[in-house]
């Protein structure tokens, strides 16, 4: 496994542990639909949380969350829709980003990081 993949896996594990400790139920990790992937799907009460995890060794080139592009957001929205349809869920859905910096073991949870919005 490459160093980059190892860093990402470590970050996802830290993020899942962080959410569990905060009382979230983890429903799935690395959930895939075709070419799309959701890092963590969790639930808190009646709310479905779609979490994108971004991990970096440090923030020299920018914070990890700044690397979640509009394109990535659209892919997450599409994947979340598919997950909801496949599982016949009737929950509110929230999109979060969990930023992990491994050199300092810092985990930042950004709730409602972006919204699905309506397309025109």
Protein backbone atom coordinates (compact mmCIF):
# COMPACT_ATOMS: atom_id res chain seq x y z
CA UNK A 1 0.00 0.00 0.00
CA UNK A 2 1.34 3.43 -0.93
CA UNK A 3 2.12 6.07 1.70
CA UNK A 4 -0.75 8.24 0.40
CA UNK A 5 -3.25 5.38 0.65
CA UNK A 6 -1.97 4.53 4.12
CA UNK A 7 -2.40 8.15 5.24
CA UNK A 8 -5.95 8.22 3.86
CA UNK A 9 -6.89 4.93 5.54
CA UNK A 10 -5.50 6.16 8.86
CA UNK A 11 -7.49 9.38 8.54
CA UNK A 12 -10.72 7.54 7.77
CA UNK A 13 -10.21 5.29 10.80
CA UNK A 14 -9.59 8.34 13.03
CA UNK A 15 -12.67 10.07 11.60
CA UNK A 16 -14.91 7.03 12.22
CA UNK A 17 -13.61 6.72 15.79
CA UNK A 18 -14.23 10.44 16.32
CA UNK A 19 -17.84 10.14 15.13
CA UNK A 20 -18.48 7.03 17.24
CA UNK A 21 -17.13 8.81 20.33
CA UNK A 22 -19.51 11.70 19.58
CA UNK A 23 -22.50 9.33 19.57
CA UNK A 24 -22.95 8.76 15.84
CA UNK A 25 -23.89 5.31 14.54
CA UNK A 26 -21.63 4.31 11.64
CA UNK A 27 -23.76 2.70 8.93
CA UNK A 28 -21.07 2.20 6.28
CA UNK A 29 -17.51 3.08 5.38
CA UNK A 30 -16.11 3.33 1.87
CA UNK A 31 -19.55 2.72 0.40
CA UNK A 32 -19.40 2.46 -3.38
CA UNK A 33 -21.86 2.88 -6.20
CA UNK A 34 -20.37 2.50 -9.68
CA UNK A 35 -17.43 4.95 -9.72
CA UNK A 36 -18.66 6.96 -6.72
CA UNK A 37 -17.60 6.52 -3.10
CA UNK A 38 -18.72 7.86 0.26
CA UNK A 39 -16.05 7.67 2.97
CA UNK A 40 -18.41 7.44 5.95
CA UNK A 41 -22.18 7.15 6.21
CA UNK A 42 -23.46 7.72 9.72
CA UNK A 43 -26.68 8.45 11.51
CA UNK A 44 -27.45 10.70 14.42
CA UNK A 45 -31.08 10.67 15.47
CA UNK A 46 -33.22 11.12 12.37
CA UNK A 47 -30.40 12.57 10.31
CA UNK A 48 -28.21 10.78 7.77
CA UNK A 49 -24.65 12.09 7.69
CA UNK A 50 -22.59 11.77 4.53
CA UNK A 51 -19.00 12.48 5.55
CA UNK A 52 -16.06 13.13 3.25
CA UNK A 53 -12.75 12.58 5.02
CA UNK A 54 -9.71 14.55 3.90
CA UNK A 55 -6.38 13.64 5.46
CA UNK A 56 -3.06 15.40 5.15
CA UNK A 57 0.20 15.04 7.04
CA UNK A 58 0.19 18.81 7.63
CA UNK A 59 -1.56 21.92 6.38
CA UNK A 60 1.41 23.56 4.65
CA UNK A 61 -0.37 23.56 1.29
CA UNK A 62 -3.82 24.33 2.72
CA UNK A 63 -6.29 22.79 5.09
CA UNK A 64 -7.49 19.31 4.14
CA UNK A 65 -11.10 20.48 3.79
CA UNK A 66 -10.11 23.04 1.15
CA UNK A 67 -9.47 20.10 -1.21
CA UNK A 68 -13.15 19.09 -1.35
CA UNK A 69 -13.99 20.56 -4.75
CA UNK A 70 -17.41 21.41 -6.18
CA UNK A 71 -17.02 18.38 -8.47
CA UNK A 72 -16.41 16.13 -5.45
CA UNK A 73 -19.43 17.65 -3.70
CA UNK A 74 -21.65 16.85 -6.70
CA UNK A 75 -20.37 13.27 -6.74
CA UNK A 76 -21.12 12.89 -3.03
CA UNK A 77 -24.62 14.26 -3.53
CA UNK A 78 -25.22 11.78 -6.35
CA UNK A 79 -23.87 8.86 -4.30
CA UNK A 80 -25.94 9.91 -1.26
CA UNK A 81 -29.08 9.96 -3.38
CA UNK A 82 -28.34 6.43 -4.57
CA UNK A 83 -27.67 5.21 -1.00
CA UNK A 84 -30.95 6.72 0.19
CA UNK A 85 -32.88 5.16 -2.71
CA UNK A 86 -31.27 1.70 -2.32
CA UNK A 87 -32.01 1.65 1.40
CA UNK A 88 -35.46 3.24 1.14
CA UNK A 89 -34.58 5.85 3.78
CA UNK A 90 -36.70 8.77 4.84
CA UNK A 91 -34.17 10.77 6.81
CA UNK A 92 -32.89 14.32 6.56
CA UNK A 93 -29.45 14.29 4.96
CA UNK A 94 -26.43 16.37 5.93
CA UNK A 95 -23.05 16.65 4.22
CA UNK A 96 -20.05 16.98 6.53
CA UNK A 97 -16.31 17.13 6.02
CA UNK A 98 -13.93 15.59 8.50
CA UNK A 99 -10.45 17.05 8.24
CA UNK A 100 -7.57 15.06 9.70
CA UNK A 101 -3.98 16.29 10.12
CA UNK A 102 -1.82 13.30 11.03
CA UNK A 103 1.28 15.18 12.22
CA UNK A 104 -0.72 16.69 15.09
CA UNK A 105 -3.48 14.05 15.35
CA UNK A 106 -6.06 16.82 14.94
CA UNK A 107 -9.57 15.97 13.75
CA UNK A 108 -11.91 18.78 12.71
CA UNK A 109 -15.56 17.98 12.08
CA UNK A 110 -17.28 20.50 9.82
CA UNK A 111 -21.02 19.95 9.98
CA UNK A 112 -23.19 21.11 7.06
CA UNK A 113 -20.03 21.75 5.04
CA UNK A 114 -22.11 22.03 1.87
CA UNK A 115 -25.68 21.56 0.72
CA UNK A 116 -27.26 19.49 -2.02
CA UNK A 117 -29.12 22.50 -3.39
CA UNK A 118 -31.37 22.57 -6.38
CA UNK A 119 -29.99 22.30 -9.88
CA UNK A 120 -31.36 24.48 -12.63
